[in-house]
């Protein structure tokens, strides 16, 4: 396989090689590909985690009677007040 790099990509690779941290472009690309794979894996895990949380919230919502906005806000304010009093 051969690839064509943009001038910016070539400069980026050369700058990284000049730091002395990498022996050659192949090593640099291997690390980049490994990091890309890890990033995509973490992204997939995050998506699955969010899906699980959404499903749990939907299930909870279906099992919980509805509450009007005013009552909800008042319950939150009460909770904050209790926490504040407990800290004093």
N, C-alpha and C. Protein backbone atom coordinates (compact mmCIF):
# COMPACT_ATOMS: atom_id res chain seq x y z
N UNK A 1 0.85 -1.17 0.00
CA UNK A 1 0.00 0.00 0.00
C UNK A 1 0.89 1.23 0.00
N UNK A 2 0.52 2.18 -0.78
CA UNK A 2 1.24 3.44 -0.73
C UNK A 2 0.21 4.53 -0.45
N UNK A 3 0.65 5.54 0.28
CA UNK A 3 -0.25 6.63 0.62
C UNK A 3 0.40 7.95 0.22
N UNK A 4 -0.41 8.93 -0.01
CA UNK A 4 0.08 10.27 -0.34
C UNK A 4 -0.26 11.16 0.85
N UNK A 5 0.77 11.79 1.40
CA UNK A 5 0.59 12.68 2.54
C UNK A 5 0.50 14.12 2.05
N UNK A 6 -0.27 14.89 2.76
CA UNK A 6 -0.29 16.32 2.47
C UNK A 6 1.01 16.92 3.00
N UNK A 7 1.38 18.09 2.51
CA UNK A 7 2.59 18.74 3.05
C UNK A 7 2.52 18.94 4.56
N UNK A 8 1.32 19.25 5.07
CA UNK A 8 1.16 19.45 6.52
C UNK A 8 1.41 18.16 7.28
N UNK A 9 0.93 17.05 6.73
CA UNK A 9 1.15 15.76 7.38
C UNK A 9 2.62 15.39 7.37
N UNK A 10 3.30 15.65 6.27
CA UNK A 10 4.73 15.37 6.19
C UNK A 10 5.50 16.21 7.20
N UNK A 11 5.15 17.50 7.31
CA UNK A 11 5.82 18.37 8.28
C UNK A 11 5.57 17.88 9.71
N UNK A 12 4.36 17.45 9.96
CA UNK A 12 4.01 16.94 11.29
C UNK A 12 4.87 15.73 11.64
N UNK A 13 4.95 14.80 10.71
CA UNK A 13 5.76 13.59 10.94
C UNK A 13 7.22 13.95 11.13
N UNK A 14 7.74 14.81 10.28
CA UNK A 14 9.15 15.20 10.40
C UNK A 14 9.42 15.90 11.74
N UNK A 15 8.49 16.74 12.16
CA UNK A 15 8.67 17.43 13.45
C UNK A 15 8.70 16.42 14.59
N UNK A 16 7.85 15.42 14.54
CA UNK A 16 7.83 14.40 15.59
C UNK A 16 9.11 13.58 15.56
N UNK A 17 9.60 13.27 14.37
CA UNK A 17 10.83 12.49 14.26
C UNK A 17 12.02 13.28 14.78
N UNK A 18 12.02 14.58 14.56
CA UNK A 18 13.14 15.42 14.99
C UNK A 18 13.24 15.52 16.51
N UNK A 19 12.17 15.22 17.22
CA UNK A 19 12.25 15.24 18.68
C UNK A 19 13.13 14.11 19.20
N UNK A 20 13.33 13.10 18.37
CA UNK A 20 14.14 11.97 18.78
C UNK A 20 13.37 10.92 19.56
N UNK A 21 12.11 11.16 19.76
CA UNK A 21 11.29 10.23 20.53
C UNK A 21 10.94 8.99 19.70
N UNK A 22 10.93 9.12 18.39
CA UNK A 22 10.57 8.02 17.50
C UNK A 22 11.74 7.73 16.56
N UNK A 23 11.94 6.45 16.28
CA UNK A 23 13.06 6.05 15.42
C UNK A 23 12.81 6.33 13.95
N UNK A 24 11.56 6.13 13.54
CA UNK A 24 11.25 6.33 12.13
C UNK A 24 9.75 6.55 11.97
N UNK A 25 9.34 6.85 10.73
CA UNK A 25 7.94 7.14 10.45
C UNK A 25 7.06 5.92 10.72
N UNK A 26 7.57 4.74 10.45
CA UNK A 26 6.79 3.53 10.68
C UNK A 26 6.43 3.38 12.15
N UNK A 27 7.39 3.62 13.04
CA UNK A 27 7.11 3.53 14.48
C UNK A 27 6.06 4.57 14.87
N UNK A 28 6.21 5.76 14.36
CA UNK A 28 5.26 6.83 14.65
C UNK A 28 3.85 6.45 14.20
N UNK A 29 3.74 5.89 13.00
CA UNK A 29 2.44 5.49 12.48
C UNK A 29 1.86 4.31 13.25
N UNK A 30 2.70 3.37 13.68
CA UNK A 30 2.20 2.25 14.48
C UNK A 30 1.57 2.75 15.77
N UNK A 31 2.23 3.71 16.40
CA UNK A 31 1.69 4.29 17.64
C UNK A 31 0.39 5.03 17.34
N UNK A 32 0.36 5.78 16.26
CA UNK A 32 -0.85 6.52 15.89
C UNK A 32 -2.01 5.57 15.64
N UNK A 33 -1.74 4.47 14.93
CA UNK A 33 -2.81 3.50 14.65
C UNK A 33 -3.29 2.83 15.93
N UNK A 34 -2.37 2.52 16.83
CA UNK A 34 -2.76 1.89 18.10
C UNK A 34 -3.63 2.85 18.91
N UNK A 35 -3.24 4.13 18.94
CA UNK A 35 -4.03 5.11 19.67
C UNK A 35 -5.40 5.31 19.03
N UNK A 36 -5.47 5.28 17.70
CA UNK A 36 -6.75 5.39 17.02
C UNK A 36 -7.64 4.21 17.38
N UNK A 37 -7.07 3.03 17.42
CA UNK A 37 -7.83 1.84 17.80
C UNK A 37 -8.35 1.96 19.23
N UNK A 38 -7.50 2.42 20.15
CA UNK A 38 -7.91 2.60 21.53
C UNK A 38 -9.02 3.66 21.64
N UNK A 39 -8.87 4.73 20.87
CA UNK A 39 -9.86 5.80 20.87
C UNK A 39 -11.22 5.27 20.41
N UNK A 40 -11.21 4.52 19.31
CA UNK A 40 -12.46 3.97 18.79
C UNK A 40 -13.07 2.96 19.76
N UNK A 41 -12.23 2.18 20.42
CA UNK A 41 -12.73 1.21 21.41
C UNK A 41 -13.37 1.96 22.59
N UNK A 42 -12.70 3.00 23.06
CA UNK A 42 -13.25 3.78 24.17
C UNK A 42 -14.55 4.46 23.75
N UNK A 43 -14.60 4.93 22.51
CA UNK A 43 -15.81 5.56 22.00
C UNK A 43 -16.96 4.57 21.98
N UNK A 44 -16.70 3.36 21.55
CA UNK A 44 -17.73 2.31 21.52
C UNK A 44 -18.20 1.99 22.93
N UNK A 45 -17.26 1.89 23.86
CA UNK A 45 -17.63 1.61 25.26
C UNK A 45 -18.50 2.73 25.82
N UNK A 46 -18.13 3.99 25.50
CA UNK A 46 -18.90 5.14 25.99
C UNK A 46 -20.31 5.09 25.41
N UNK A 47 -20.43 4.82 24.13
CA UNK A 47 -21.75 4.75 23.49
C UNK A 47 -22.59 3.66 24.15
N UNK A 48 -22.01 2.50 24.37
CA UNK A 48 -22.75 1.41 25.02
C UNK A 48 -23.17 1.78 26.44
N UNK A 49 -22.29 2.48 27.15
CA UNK A 49 -22.60 2.92 28.51
C UNK A 49 -23.77 3.90 28.51
N UNK A 50 -23.73 4.84 27.57
CA UNK A 50 -24.81 5.83 27.48
C UNK A 50 -26.12 5.13 27.11
N UNK A 51 -26.07 4.20 26.19
CA UNK A 51 -27.29 3.45 25.82
C UNK A 51 -27.88 2.73 27.03
N UNK A 52 -27.01 2.10 27.83
CA UNK A 52 -27.47 1.40 29.03
C UNK A 52 -28.14 2.38 29.99
N UNK A 53 -27.54 3.53 30.18
CA UNK A 53 -28.11 4.54 31.10
C UNK A 53 -29.43 5.07 30.58
N UNK A 54 -29.51 5.28 29.27
CA UNK A 54 -30.77 5.76 28.69
C UNK A 54 -31.86 4.71 28.86
N UNK A 55 -31.52 3.45 28.60
CA UNK A 55 -32.50 2.37 28.77
C UNK A 55 -32.97 2.30 30.22
N UNK A 56 -32.03 2.45 31.16
CA UNK A 56 -32.40 2.42 32.59
C UNK A 56 -33.30 3.59 32.93
N UNK A 57 -33.00 4.76 32.38
CA UNK A 57 -33.83 5.95 32.65
C UNK A 57 -35.23 5.78 32.08
N UNK A 58 -35.31 5.19 30.88
CA UNK A 58 -36.63 4.95 30.28
C UNK A 58 -37.43 3.97 31.13
N UNK A 59 -36.77 2.91 31.59
CA UNK A 59 -37.45 1.92 32.43
C UNK A 59 -37.93 2.56 33.73
N UNK A 60 -37.06 3.36 34.34
CA UNK A 60 -37.44 4.05 35.58
C UNK A 60 -38.60 5.00 35.33
N UNK A 61 -38.53 5.70 34.21
CA UNK A 61 -39.59 6.65 33.87
C UNK A 61 -40.92 5.94 33.68
N UNK A 62 -40.88 4.78 33.06
CA UNK A 62 -42.11 4.03 32.82
C UNK A 62 -42.71 3.50 34.12
N UNK A 63 -41.88 3.31 35.15
CA UNK A 63 -42.34 2.75 36.42
C UNK A 63 -42.64 3.83 37.46
N UNK A 64 -42.35 5.07 37.14
CA UNK A 64 -42.52 6.17 38.08
C UNK A 64 -43.69 7.04 37.64
N UNK A 65 -44.59 7.34 38.56
CA UNK A 65 -45.70 8.21 38.16
C UNK A 65 -45.18 9.60 37.78
N UNK A 66 -45.86 10.26 36.87
CA UNK A 66 -45.40 11.58 36.45
C UNK A 66 -45.46 12.58 37.59
N UNK A 67 -44.62 13.59 37.51
CA UNK A 67 -44.58 14.64 38.52
C UNK A 67 -44.55 15.98 37.80
N UNK A 68 -45.28 16.94 38.32
CA UNK A 68 -45.30 18.24 37.64
C UNK A 68 -44.02 19.01 37.95
N UNK A 69 -43.71 19.96 37.11
CA UNK A 69 -42.46 20.71 37.21
C UNK A 69 -42.30 21.44 38.53
N UNK A 70 -43.36 22.06 39.02
CA UNK A 70 -43.28 22.82 40.27
C UNK A 70 -42.92 21.91 41.44
N UNK A 71 -43.55 20.75 41.51
CA UNK A 71 -43.25 19.79 42.58
C UNK A 71 -41.81 19.32 42.48
N UNK A 72 -41.38 19.05 41.27
CA UNK A 72 -40.00 18.59 41.04
C UNK A 72 -38.99 19.63 41.53
N UNK A 73 -39.19 20.88 41.14
CA UNK A 73 -38.27 21.95 41.56
C UNK A 73 -38.30 22.10 43.07
N UNK A 74 -39.48 22.05 43.66
CA UNK A 74 -39.57 22.18 45.12
C UNK A 74 -38.85 21.04 45.84
N UNK A 75 -38.94 19.83 45.30
CA UNK A 75 -38.22 18.71 45.91
C UNK A 75 -36.71 18.91 45.83
N UNK A 76 -36.24 19.42 44.72
CA UNK A 76 -34.81 19.69 44.58
C UNK A 76 -34.38 20.77 45.57
N UNK A 77 -35.15 21.83 45.67
CA UNK A 77 -34.82 22.91 46.61
C UNK A 77 -34.82 22.39 48.05
N UNK A 78 -35.78 21.55 48.39
CA UNK A 78 -35.80 20.95 49.73
C UNK A 78 -34.55 20.13 49.99
N UNK A 79 -34.16 19.35 48.99
CA UNK A 79 -32.96 18.52 49.13
C UNK A 79 -31.73 19.41 49.36
N UNK A 80 -31.59 20.48 48.58
CA UNK A 80 -30.45 21.39 48.75
C UNK A 80 -30.46 22.01 50.14
N UNK A 81 -31.64 22.37 50.61
CA UNK A 81 -31.76 22.97 51.94
C UNK A 81 -31.33 21.97 53.01
N UNK A 82 -31.73 20.71 52.87
CA UNK A 82 -31.34 19.68 53.84
C UNK A 82 -29.84 19.47 53.83
N UNK A 83 -29.25 19.46 52.67
CA UNK A 83 -27.80 19.29 52.57
C UNK A 83 -27.08 20.46 53.22
N UNK A 84 -27.56 21.67 52.95
CA UNK A 84 -26.96 22.88 53.53
C UNK A 84 -27.05 22.83 55.07
N UNK A 85 -28.21 22.44 55.57
CA UNK A 85 -28.38 22.36 57.04
C UNK A 85 -27.50 21.30 57.65
N UNK A 86 -27.30 20.20 56.94
CA UNK A 86 -26.44 19.13 57.45
C UNK A 86 -24.98 19.55 57.48
N UNK A 87 -24.58 20.46 56.60
CA UNK A 87 -23.19 20.92 56.55
C UNK A 87 -22.91 21.97 57.63
N UNK A 88 -23.93 22.60 58.14
CA UNK A 88 -23.73 23.66 59.16
C UNK A 88 -23.56 23.11 60.53
